[in-house]
């Protein structure tokens, strides 16, 4: 078991988790960060986190939202790199 404490935008979570589930708590914080980001709808964004690398996939309405999603994920504690595989919707 590993004790982990992470904080993002005033929300602090302290948890005991098995070592192999390290990406799970990061994914939770990233989803929280995406949901709190202004002018960004995160319902079509999927998050995968492993070994400090976050992969974003899905679609967003414009380039601005694509950049905001990557920035929000990068600011989460423990994130070392972001692979932005988001696409811009054709409406």
PDB file of N, CA and C in Angstrom:
ATOM      1  N   UNK A   1       0.825  -1.176   0.000  1.00  0.00           N
ATOM      2  CA  UNK A   1       0.000   0.000   0.000  1.00  0.00           C
ATOM      3  C   UNK A   1       0.878   1.250   0.000  1.00  0.00           C
ATOM      4  N   UNK A   2       0.381   2.267  -0.668  1.00  0.00           N
ATOM      5  CA  UNK A   2       1.075   3.542  -0.760  1.00  0.00           C
ATOM      6  C   UNK A   2       0.112   4.619  -0.303  1.00  0.00           C
ATOM      7  N   UNK A   3       0.593   5.529   0.542  1.00  0.00           N
ATOM      8  CA  UNK A   3      -0.235   6.675   0.918  1.00  0.00           C
ATOM      9  C   UNK A   3       0.023   7.782  -0.075  1.00  0.00           C
ATOM     10  N   UNK A   4      -1.042   8.397  -0.538  1.00  0.00           N
ATOM     11  CA  UNK A   4      -0.897   9.483  -1.505  1.00  0.00           C
ATOM     12  C   UNK A   4      -1.761  10.654  -1.075  1.00  0.00           C
ATOM     13  N   UNK A   5      -1.219  11.824  -1.220  1.00  0.00           N
ATOM     14  CA  UNK A   5      -1.976  13.046  -0.986  1.00  0.00           C
ATOM     15  C   UNK A   5      -1.790  13.918  -2.201  1.00  0.00           C
ATOM     16  N   UNK A   6      -2.882  14.391  -2.751  1.00  0.00           N
ATOM     17  CA  UNK A   6      -2.807  15.270  -3.910  1.00  0.00           C
ATOM     18  C   UNK A   6      -3.778  16.412  -3.688  1.00  0.00           C
ATOM     19  N   UNK A   7      -3.454  17.537  -4.273  1.00  0.00           N
ATOM     20  CA  UNK A   7      -4.316  18.704  -4.128  1.00  0.00           C
ATOM     21  C   UNK A   7      -4.394  19.414  -5.462  1.00  0.00           C
ATOM     22  N   UNK A   8      -5.605  19.823  -5.815  1.00  0.00           N
ATOM     23  CA  UNK A   8      -5.814  20.585  -7.043  1.00  0.00           C
ATOM     24  C   UNK A   8      -6.983  21.522  -6.816  1.00  0.00           C
ATOM     25  N   UNK A   9      -6.782  22.785  -7.054  1.00  0.00           N
ATOM     26  CA  UNK A   9      -7.807  23.813  -6.926  1.00  0.00           C
ATOM     27  C   UNK A   9      -8.536  23.727  -5.589  1.00  0.00           C
ATOM     28  N   UNK A  10      -7.755  23.577  -4.524  1.00  0.00           N
ATOM     29  CA  UNK A  10      -8.329  23.598  -3.191  1.00  0.00           C
ATOM     30  C   UNK A  10      -8.953  22.295  -2.733  1.00  0.00           C
ATOM     31  N   UNK A  11      -8.966  21.261  -3.570  1.00  0.00           N
ATOM     32  CA  UNK A  11      -9.516  19.964  -3.187  1.00  0.00           C
ATOM     33  C   UNK A  11      -8.343  19.066  -2.828  1.00  0.00           C
ATOM     34  N   UNK A  12      -8.366  18.511  -1.634  1.00  0.00           N
ATOM     35  CA  UNK A  12      -7.275  17.657  -1.178  1.00  0.00           C
ATOM     36  C   UNK A  12      -7.824  16.258  -0.920  1.00  0.00           C
ATOM     37  N   UNK A  13      -7.138  15.274  -1.446  1.00  0.00           N
ATOM     38  CA  UNK A  13      -7.539  13.877  -1.240  1.00  0.00           C
ATOM     39  C   UNK A  13      -6.345  13.123  -0.678  1.00  0.00           C
ATOM     40  N   UNK A  14      -6.563  12.442   0.410  1.00  0.00           N
ATOM     41  CA  UNK A  14      -5.527  11.581   0.988  1.00  0.00           C
ATOM     42  C   UNK A  14      -6.074  10.170   0.935  1.00  0.00           C
ATOM     43  N   UNK A  15      -5.313   9.283   0.358  1.00  0.00           N
ATOM     44  CA  UNK A  15      -5.819   7.936   0.158  1.00  0.00           C
ATOM     45  C   UNK A  15      -4.718   6.906   0.332  1.00  0.00           C
ATOM     46  N   UNK A  16      -5.116   5.720   0.699  1.00  0.00           N
ATOM     47  CA  UNK A  16      -4.211   4.572   0.694  1.00  0.00           C
ATOM     48  C   UNK A  16      -4.660   3.714  -0.474  1.00  0.00           C
ATOM     49  N   UNK A  17      -3.724   3.383  -1.332  1.00  0.00           N
ATOM     50  CA  UNK A  17      -4.079   2.637  -2.527  1.00  0.00           C
ATOM     51  C   UNK A  17      -2.983   1.640  -2.854  1.00  0.00           C
ATOM     52  N   UNK A  18      -3.345   0.564  -3.511  1.00  0.00           N
ATOM     53  CA  UNK A  18      -2.305  -0.356  -3.976  1.00  0.00           C
ATOM     54  C   UNK A  18      -1.411   0.354  -4.984  1.00  0.00           C
ATOM     55  N   UNK A  19      -0.150   0.001  -5.015  1.00  0.00           N
ATOM     56  CA  UNK A  19       0.815   0.635  -5.910  1.00  0.00           C
ATOM     57  C   UNK A  19       0.384   0.537  -7.374  1.00  0.00           C
ATOM     58  N   UNK A  20      -0.241  -0.552  -7.789  1.00  0.00           N
ATOM     59  CA  UNK A  20      -0.616  -0.749  -9.193  1.00  0.00           C
ATOM     60  C   UNK A  20      -1.770   0.126  -9.634  1.00  0.00           C
ATOM     61  N   UNK A  21      -2.423   0.834  -8.744  1.00  0.00           N
ATOM     62  CA  UNK A  21      -3.551   1.699  -9.111  1.00  0.00           C
ATOM     63  C   UNK A  21      -3.157   3.171  -9.157  1.00  0.00           C
ATOM     64  N   UNK A  22      -1.891   3.448  -9.348  1.00  0.00           N
ATOM     65  CA  UNK A  22      -1.399   4.826  -9.293  1.00  0.00           C
ATOM     66  C   UNK A  22      -2.101   5.735 -10.297  1.00  0.00           C
ATOM     67  N   UNK A  23      -2.438   5.255 -11.477  1.00  0.00           N
ATOM     68  CA  UNK A  23      -3.070   6.084 -12.494  1.00  0.00           C
ATOM     69  C   UNK A  23      -4.500   6.450 -12.147  1.00  0.00           C
ATOM     70  N   UNK A  24      -5.137   5.666 -11.300  1.00  0.00           N
ATOM     71  CA  UNK A  24      -6.539   5.875 -10.974  1.00  0.00           C
ATOM     72  C   UNK A  24      -6.784   7.206 -10.270  1.00  0.00           C
ATOM     73  N   UNK A  25      -5.996   7.529  -9.253  1.00  0.00           N
ATOM     74  CA  UNK A  25      -6.220   8.798  -8.549  1.00  0.00           C
ATOM     75  C   UNK A  25      -5.836   9.979  -9.425  1.00  0.00           C
ATOM     76  N   UNK A  26      -4.818   9.820 -10.292  1.00  0.00           N
ATOM     77  CA  UNK A  26      -4.486  10.907 -11.214  1.00  0.00           C
ATOM     78  C   UNK A  26      -5.638  11.175 -12.167  1.00  0.00           C
ATOM     79  N   UNK A  27      -6.223  10.098 -12.668  1.00  0.00           N
ATOM     80  CA  UNK A  27      -7.358  10.228 -13.587  1.00  0.00           C
ATOM     81  C   UNK A  27      -8.500  10.976 -12.905  1.00  0.00           C
ATOM     82  N   UNK A  28      -8.741  10.700 -11.627  1.00  0.00           N
ATOM     83  CA  UNK A  28      -9.785  11.392 -10.875  1.00  0.00           C
ATOM     84  C   UNK A  28      -9.502  12.893 -10.800  1.00  0.00           C
ATOM     85  N   UNK A  29      -8.266  13.256 -10.484  1.00  0.00           N
ATOM     86  CA  UNK A  29      -7.904  14.671 -10.403  1.00  0.00           C
ATOM     87  C   UNK A  29      -7.951  15.338 -11.771  1.00  0.00           C
ATOM     88  N   UNK A  30      -7.552  14.627 -12.803  1.00  0.00           N
ATOM     89  CA  UNK A  30      -7.586  15.205 -14.149  1.00  0.00           C
ATOM     90  C   UNK A  30      -9.028  15.449 -14.576  1.00  0.00           C
ATOM     91  N   UNK A  31      -9.901  14.484 -14.335  1.00  0.00           N
ATOM     92  CA  UNK A  31     -11.315  14.679 -14.663  1.00  0.00           C
ATOM     93  C   UNK A  31     -11.892  15.862 -13.892  1.00  0.00           C
ATOM     94  N   UNK A  32     -11.492  16.003 -12.636  1.00  0.00           N
ATOM     95  CA  UNK A  32     -11.945  17.146 -11.834  1.00  0.00           C
ATOM     96  C   UNK A  32     -11.442  18.454 -12.456  1.00  0.00           C
ATOM     97  N   UNK A  33     -10.158  18.477 -12.821  1.00  0.00           N
ATOM     98  CA  UNK A  33      -9.568  19.685 -13.406  1.00  0.00           C
ATOM     99  C   UNK A  33     -10.253  20.044 -14.722  1.00  0.00           C
ATOM    100  N   UNK A  34     -10.545  19.046 -15.549  1.00  0.00           N
ATOM    101  CA  UNK A  34     -11.228  19.303 -16.821  1.00  0.00           C
ATOM    102  C   UNK A  34     -12.624  19.862 -16.576  1.00  0.00           C
ATOM    103  N   UNK A  35     -13.322  19.288 -15.598  1.00  0.00           N
ATOM    104  CA  UNK A  35     -14.675  19.747 -15.284  1.00  0.00           C
ATOM    105  C   UNK A  35     -14.723  21.168 -14.742  1.00  0.00           C
ATOM    106  N   UNK A  36     -13.656  21.597 -14.074  1.00  0.00           N
ATOM    107  CA  UNK A  36     -13.608  22.939 -13.494  1.00  0.00           C
ATOM    108  C   UNK A  36     -13.058  23.991 -14.460  1.00  0.00           C
ATOM    109  N   UNK A  37     -12.547  23.564 -15.604  1.00  0.00           N
ATOM    110  CA  UNK A  37     -11.954  24.497 -16.559  1.00  0.00           C
ATOM    111  C   UNK A  37     -13.047  25.265 -17.295  1.00  0.00           C
ATOM    112  N   UNK A  38     -12.957  26.582 -17.244  1.00  0.00           N
ATOM    113  CA  UNK A  38     -13.960  27.425 -17.895  1.00  0.00           C
ATOM    114  C   UNK A  38     -13.914  27.255 -19.408  1.00  0.00           C
ATOM    115  N   UNK A  39     -15.077  27.336 -20.009  1.00  0.00           N
ATOM    116  CA  UNK A  39     -15.231  27.248 -21.464  1.00  0.00           C
ATOM    117  C   UNK A  39     -14.756  25.909 -22.019  1.00  0.00           C
ATOM    118  N   UNK A  40     -14.922  24.847 -21.224  1.00  0.00           N
ATOM    119  CA  UNK A  40     -14.542  23.508 -21.678  1.00  0.00           C
ATOM    120  C   UNK A  40     -15.593  22.513 -21.231  1.00  0.00           C
ATOM    121  N   UNK A  41     -16.154  21.783 -22.166  1.00  0.00           N
ATOM    122  CA  UNK A  41     -17.090  20.707 -21.855  1.00  0.00           C
ATOM    123  C   UNK A  41     -16.310  19.406 -21.909  1.00  0.00           C
ATOM    124  N   UNK A  42     -16.216  18.732 -20.789  1.00  0.00           N
ATOM    125  CA  UNK A  42     -15.360  17.547 -20.713  1.00  0.00           C
ATOM    126  C   UNK A  42     -16.096  16.228 -20.955  1.00  0.00           C
ATOM    127  N   UNK A  43     -17.360  16.280 -21.307  1.00  0.00           N
ATOM    128  CA  UNK A  43     -18.128  15.033 -21.445  1.00  0.00           C
ATOM    129  C   UNK A  43     -17.641  14.132 -22.565  1.00  0.00           C
ATOM    130  N   UNK A  44     -17.005  14.688 -23.581  1.00  0.00           N
ATOM    131  CA  UNK A  44     -16.512  13.880 -24.701  1.00  0.00           C
ATOM    132  C   UNK A  44     -15.007  13.642 -24.640  1.00  0.00           C
ATOM    133  N   UNK A  45     -14.407  13.878 -23.468  1.00  0.00           N
ATOM    134  CA  UNK A  45     -12.976  13.679 -23.292  1.00  0.00           C
ATOM    135  C   UNK A  45     -12.736  12.452 -22.420  1.00  0.00           C
ATOM    136  N   UNK A  46     -11.939  11.528 -22.928  1.00  0.00           N
ATOM    137  CA  UNK A  46     -11.553  10.336 -22.175  1.00  0.00           C
ATOM    138  C   UNK A  46     -10.121  10.517 -21.690  1.00  0.00           C
ATOM    139  N   UNK A  47      -9.859  10.042 -20.475  1.00  0.00           N
ATOM    140  CA  UNK A  47      -8.546  10.220 -19.845  1.00  0.00           C
ATOM    141  C   UNK A  47      -7.961   8.858 -19.511  1.00  0.00           C
ATOM    142  N   UNK A  48      -6.701   8.670 -19.880  1.00  0.00           N
ATOM    143  CA  UNK A  48      -5.953   7.480 -19.472  1.00  0.00           C
ATOM    144  C   UNK A  48      -4.667   7.975 -18.832  1.00  0.00           C
ATOM    145  N   UNK A  49      -4.341   7.449 -17.656  1.00  0.00           N
ATOM    146  CA  UNK A  49      -3.125   7.872 -16.956  1.00  0.00           C
ATOM    147  C   UNK A  49      -2.329   6.649 -16.545  1.00  0.00           C
ATOM    148  N   UNK A  50      -1.045   6.674 -16.854  1.00  0.00           N
ATOM    149  CA  UNK A  50      -0.147   5.589 -16.460  1.00  0.00           C
ATOM    150  C   UNK A  50       1.265   6.141 -16.341  1.00  0.00           C
ATOM    151  N   UNK A  51       1.905   5.864 -15.218  1.00  0.00           N
ATOM    152  CA  UNK A  51       3.304   6.241 -14.981  1.00  0.00           C
ATOM    153  C   UNK A  51       3.557   7.732 -15.208  1.00  0.00           C
ATOM    154  N   UNK A  52       2.610   8.567 -14.812  1.00  0.00           N
ATOM    155  CA  UNK A  52       2.785  10.003 -14.937  1.00  0.00           C
ATOM    156  C   UNK A  52       2.482  10.569 -16.314  1.00  0.00           C
ATOM    157  N   UNK A  53       2.135   9.698 -17.251  1.00  0.00           N
ATOM    158  CA  UNK A  53       1.800  10.138 -18.614  1.00  0.00           C
ATOM    159  C   UNK A  53       0.289  10.067 -18.794  1.00  0.00           C
ATOM    160  N   UNK A  54      -0.302  11.181 -19.196  1.00  0.00           N
ATOM    161  CA  UNK A  54      -1.744  11.273 -19.392  1.00  0.00           C
ATOM    162  C   UNK A  54      -2.038  11.325 -20.874  1.00  0.00           C
ATOM    163  N   UNK A  55      -2.997  10.519 -21.309  1.00  0.00           N
ATOM    164  CA  UNK A  55      -3.439  10.556 -22.694  1.00  0.00           C
ATOM    165  C   UNK A  55      -4.881  11.032 -22.724  1.00  0.00           C
ATOM    166  N   UNK A  56      -5.121  12.110 -23.456  1.00  0.00           N
ATOM    167  CA  UNK A  56      -6.464  12.640 -23.642  1.00  0.00           C
ATOM    168  C   UNK A  56      -6.946  12.215 -25.022  1.00  0.00           C
ATOM    169  N   UNK A  57      -8.157  11.694 -25.100  1.00  0.00           N
ATOM    170  CA  UNK A  57      -8.733  11.331 -26.395  1.00  0.00           C
ATOM    171  C   UNK A  57     -10.201  11.727 -26.402  1.00  0.00           C
ATOM    172  N   UNK A  58     -10.762  11.801 -27.580  1.00  0.00           N
ATOM    173  CA  UNK A  58     -12.143  12.221 -27.734  1.00  0.00           C
ATOM    174  C   UNK A  58     -12.198  13.451 -28.618  1.00  0.00           C
ATOM    175  N   UNK A  59     -13.246  14.236 -28.444  1.00  0.00           N
ATOM    176  CA  UNK A  59     -13.402  15.407 -29.308  1.00  0.00           C
ATOM    177  C   UNK A  59     -13.817  16.634 -28.504  1.00  0.00           C
ATOM    178  N   UNK A  60     -13.422  17.782 -29.027  1.00  0.00           N
ATOM    179  CA  UNK A  60     -13.761  19.092 -28.450  1.00  0.00           C
ATOM    180  C   UNK A  60     -14.234  19.986 -29.592  1.00  0.00           C
ATOM    181  N   UNK A  61     -14.956  21.067 -29.276  1.00  0.00           N
ATOM    182  CA  UNK A  61     -15.537  21.890 -30.337  1.00  0.00           C
ATOM    183  C   UNK A  61     -14.550  22.754 -31.118  1.00  0.00           C
ATOM    184  N   UNK A  62     -13.408  23.131 -30.503  1.00  0.00           N
ATOM    185  CA  UNK A  62     -12.489  24.040 -31.201  1.00  0.00           C
ATOM    186  C   UNK A  62     -11.071  23.907 -30.660  1.00  0.00           C
ATOM    187  N   UNK A  63     -10.137  24.606 -31.323  1.00  0.00           N
ATOM    188  CA  UNK A  63      -8.721  24.546 -30.950  1.00  0.00           C
ATOM    189  C   UNK A  63      -8.482  25.096 -29.538  1.00  0.00           C
ATOM    190  N   UNK A  64      -9.230  26.113 -29.179  1.00  0.00           N
ATOM    191  CA  UNK A  64      -9.089  26.707 -27.860  1.00  0.00           C
ATOM    192  C   UNK A  64      -9.397  25.684 -26.760  1.00  0.00           C
ATOM    193  N   UNK A  65     -10.459  24.926 -26.925  1.00  0.00           N
ATOM    194  CA  UNK A  65     -10.829  23.892 -25.952  1.00  0.00           C
ATOM    195  C   UNK A  65      -9.772  22.790 -25.906  1.00  0.00           C
ATOM    196  N   UNK A  66      -9.212  22.454 -27.049  1.00  0.00           N
ATOM    197  CA  UNK A  66      -8.166  21.441 -27.131  1.00  0.00           C
ATOM    198  C   UNK A  66      -6.957  21.877 -26.299  1.00  0.00           C
ATOM    199  N   UNK A  67      -6.546  23.127 -26.450  1.00  0.00           N
ATOM    200  CA  UNK A  67      -5.414  23.655 -25.692  1.00  0.00           C
ATOM    201  C   UNK A  67      -5.713  23.754 -24.197  1.00  0.00           C
ATOM    202  N   UNK A  68      -6.936  24.184 -23.839  1.00  0.00           N
ATOM    203  CA  UNK A  68      -7.316  24.294 -22.420  1.00  0.00           C
ATOM    204  C   UNK A  68      -7.318  22.936 -21.736  1.00  0.00           C
ATOM    205  N   UNK A  69      -7.779  21.899 -22.437  1.00  0.00           N
ATOM    206  CA  UNK A  69      -7.807  20.549 -21.857  1.00  0.00           C
ATOM    207  C   UNK A  69      -6.389  20.064 -21.561  1.00  0.00           C
ATOM    208  N   UNK A  70      -5.483  20.255 -22.504  1.00  0.00           N
ATOM    209  CA  UNK A  70      -4.094  19.828 -22.300  1.00  0.00           C
ATOM    210  C   UNK A  70      -3.459  20.593 -21.145  1.00  0.00           C
ATOM    211  N   UNK A  71      -3.711  21.881 -21.062  1.00  0.00           N
ATOM    212  CA  UNK A  71      -3.140  22.707 -19.994  1.00  0.00           C
ATOM    213  C   UNK A  71      -3.680  22.286 -18.629  1.00  0.00           C
ATOM    214  N   UNK A  72      -4.975  22.025 -18.544  1.00  0.00           N
ATOM    215  CA  UNK A  72      -5.581  21.607 -17.271  1.00  0.00           C
ATOM    216  C   UNK A  72      -4.987  20.281 -16.803  1.00  0.00           C
ATOM    217  N   UNK A  73      -4.803  19.343 -17.718  1.00  0.00           N
ATOM    218  CA  UNK A  73      -4.217  18.047 -17.361  1.00  0.00           C
ATOM    219  C   UNK A  73      -2.765  18.211 -16.912  1.00  0.00           C
ATOM    220  N   UNK A  74      -2.018  19.054 -17.592  1.00  0.00           N
ATOM    221  CA  UNK A  74      -0.607  19.257 -17.270  1.00  0.00           C
ATOM    222  C   UNK A  74      -0.414  19.848 -15.878  1.00  0.00           C
ATOM    223  N   UNK A  75      -1.369  20.616 -15.400  1.00  0.00           N
ATOM    224  CA  UNK A  75      -1.256  21.283 -14.102  1.00  0.00           C
ATOM    225  C   UNK A  75      -1.590  20.382 -12.912  1.00  0.00           C
ATOM    226  N   UNK A  76      -2.069  19.173 -13.158  1.00  0.00           N
ATOM    227  CA  UNK A  76      -2.401  18.257 -12.071  1.00  0.00           C
ATOM    228  C   UNK A  76      -1.103  17.694 -11.477  1.00  0.00           C
ATOM    229  N   UNK A  77      -0.985  17.707 -10.147  1.00  0.00           N
ATOM    230  CA  UNK A  77       0.229  17.176  -9.514  1.00  0.00           C
ATOM    231  C   UNK A  77       0.497  15.731  -9.928  1.00  0.00           C
ATOM    232  N   UNK A  78       1.751  15.431 -10.225  1.00  0.00           N
ATOM    233  CA  UNK A  78       2.145  14.075 -10.600  1.00  0.00           C
ATOM    234  C   UNK A  78       2.131  13.805 -12.086  1.00  0.00           C
ATOM    235  N   UNK A  79       1.583  14.729 -12.870  1.00  0.00           N
ATOM    236  CA  UNK A  79       1.553  14.545 -14.325  1.00  0.00           C
ATOM    237  C   UNK A  79       2.897  14.985 -14.891  1.00  0.00           C
ATOM    238  N   UNK A  80       3.571  14.067 -15.577  1.00  0.00           N
ATOM    239  CA  UNK A  80       4.884  14.351 -16.153  1.00  0.00           C
ATOM    240  C   UNK A  80       4.772  14.769 -17.618  1.00  0.00           C
ATOM    241  N   UNK A  81       3.781  14.206 -18.325  1.00  0.00           N
ATOM    242  CA  UNK A  81       3.614  14.512 -19.753  1.00  0.00           C
ATOM    243  C   UNK A  81       2.156  14.304 -20.133  1.00  0.00           C
ATOM    244  N   UNK A  82       1.721  15.025 -21.167  1.00  0.00           N
ATOM    245  CA  UNK A  82       0.357  14.895 -21.676  1.00  0.00           C
ATOM    246  C   UNK A  82       0.427  14.575 -23.161  1.00  0.00           C
ATOM    247  N   UNK A  83      -0.205  13.491 -23.543  1.00  0.00           N
ATOM    248  CA  UNK A  83      -0.375  13.149 -24.959  1.00  0.00           C
ATOM    249  C   UNK A  83      -1.773  13.610 -25.342  1.00  0.00           C
ATOM    250  N   UNK A  84      -1.839  14.602 -26.175  1.00  0.00           N
ATOM    251  CA  UNK A  84      -3.126  15.171 -26.539  1.00  0.00           C
ATOM    252  C   UNK A  84      -3.593  14.573 -27.863  1.00  0.00           C
ATOM    253  N   UNK A  85      -4.456  13.584 -27.794  1.00  0.00           N
ATOM    254  CA  UNK A  85      -5.009  12.931 -28.985  1.00  0.00           C
ATOM    255  C   UNK A  85      -6.434  13.420 -29.261  1.00  0.00           C
ATOM    256  N   UNK A  86      -6.791  14.581 -28.714  1.00  0.00           N
ATOM    257  CA  UNK A  86      -8.126  15.135 -28.945  1.00  0.00           C
ATOM    258  C   UNK A  86      -8.254  15.598 -30.384  1.00  0.00           C
ATOM    259  N   UNK A  87      -9.468  15.511 -30.889  1.00  0.00           N
ATOM    260  CA  UNK A  87      -9.749  16.013 -32.242  1.00  0.00           C
ATOM    261  C   UNK A  87     -10.791  17.112 -32.140  1.00  0.00           C
ATOM    262  N   UNK A  88     -10.826  17.941 -33.174  1.00  0.00           N
ATOM    263  CA  UNK A  88     -11.802  19.031 -33.226  1.00  0.00           C
ATOM    264  C   UNK A  88     -13.014  18.537 -33.997  1.00  0.00           C
ATOM    265  N   UNK A  89     -14.188  18.725 -33.381  1.00  0.00           N
ATOM    266  CA  UNK A  89     -15.447  18.267 -33.989  1.00  0.00           C
ATOM    267  C   UNK A  89     -15.722  19.005 -35.286  1.00  0.00           C
ATOM    268  N   UNK A  90     -16.294  18.297 -36.240  1.00  0.00           N
ATOM    269  CA  UNK A  90     -16.783  18.911 -37.475  1.00  0.00           C
ATOM    270  C   UNK A  90     -18.279  19.067 -37.333  1.00  0.00           C
ATOM    271  N   UNK A  91     -18.724  20.278 -37.136  1.00  0.00           N
ATOM    272  CA  UNK A  91     -20.178  20.504 -36.973  1.00  0.00           C
ATOM    273  C   UNK A  91     -20.732  21.222 -38.144  1.00  0.00           C
TER     274      UNK A  91
END
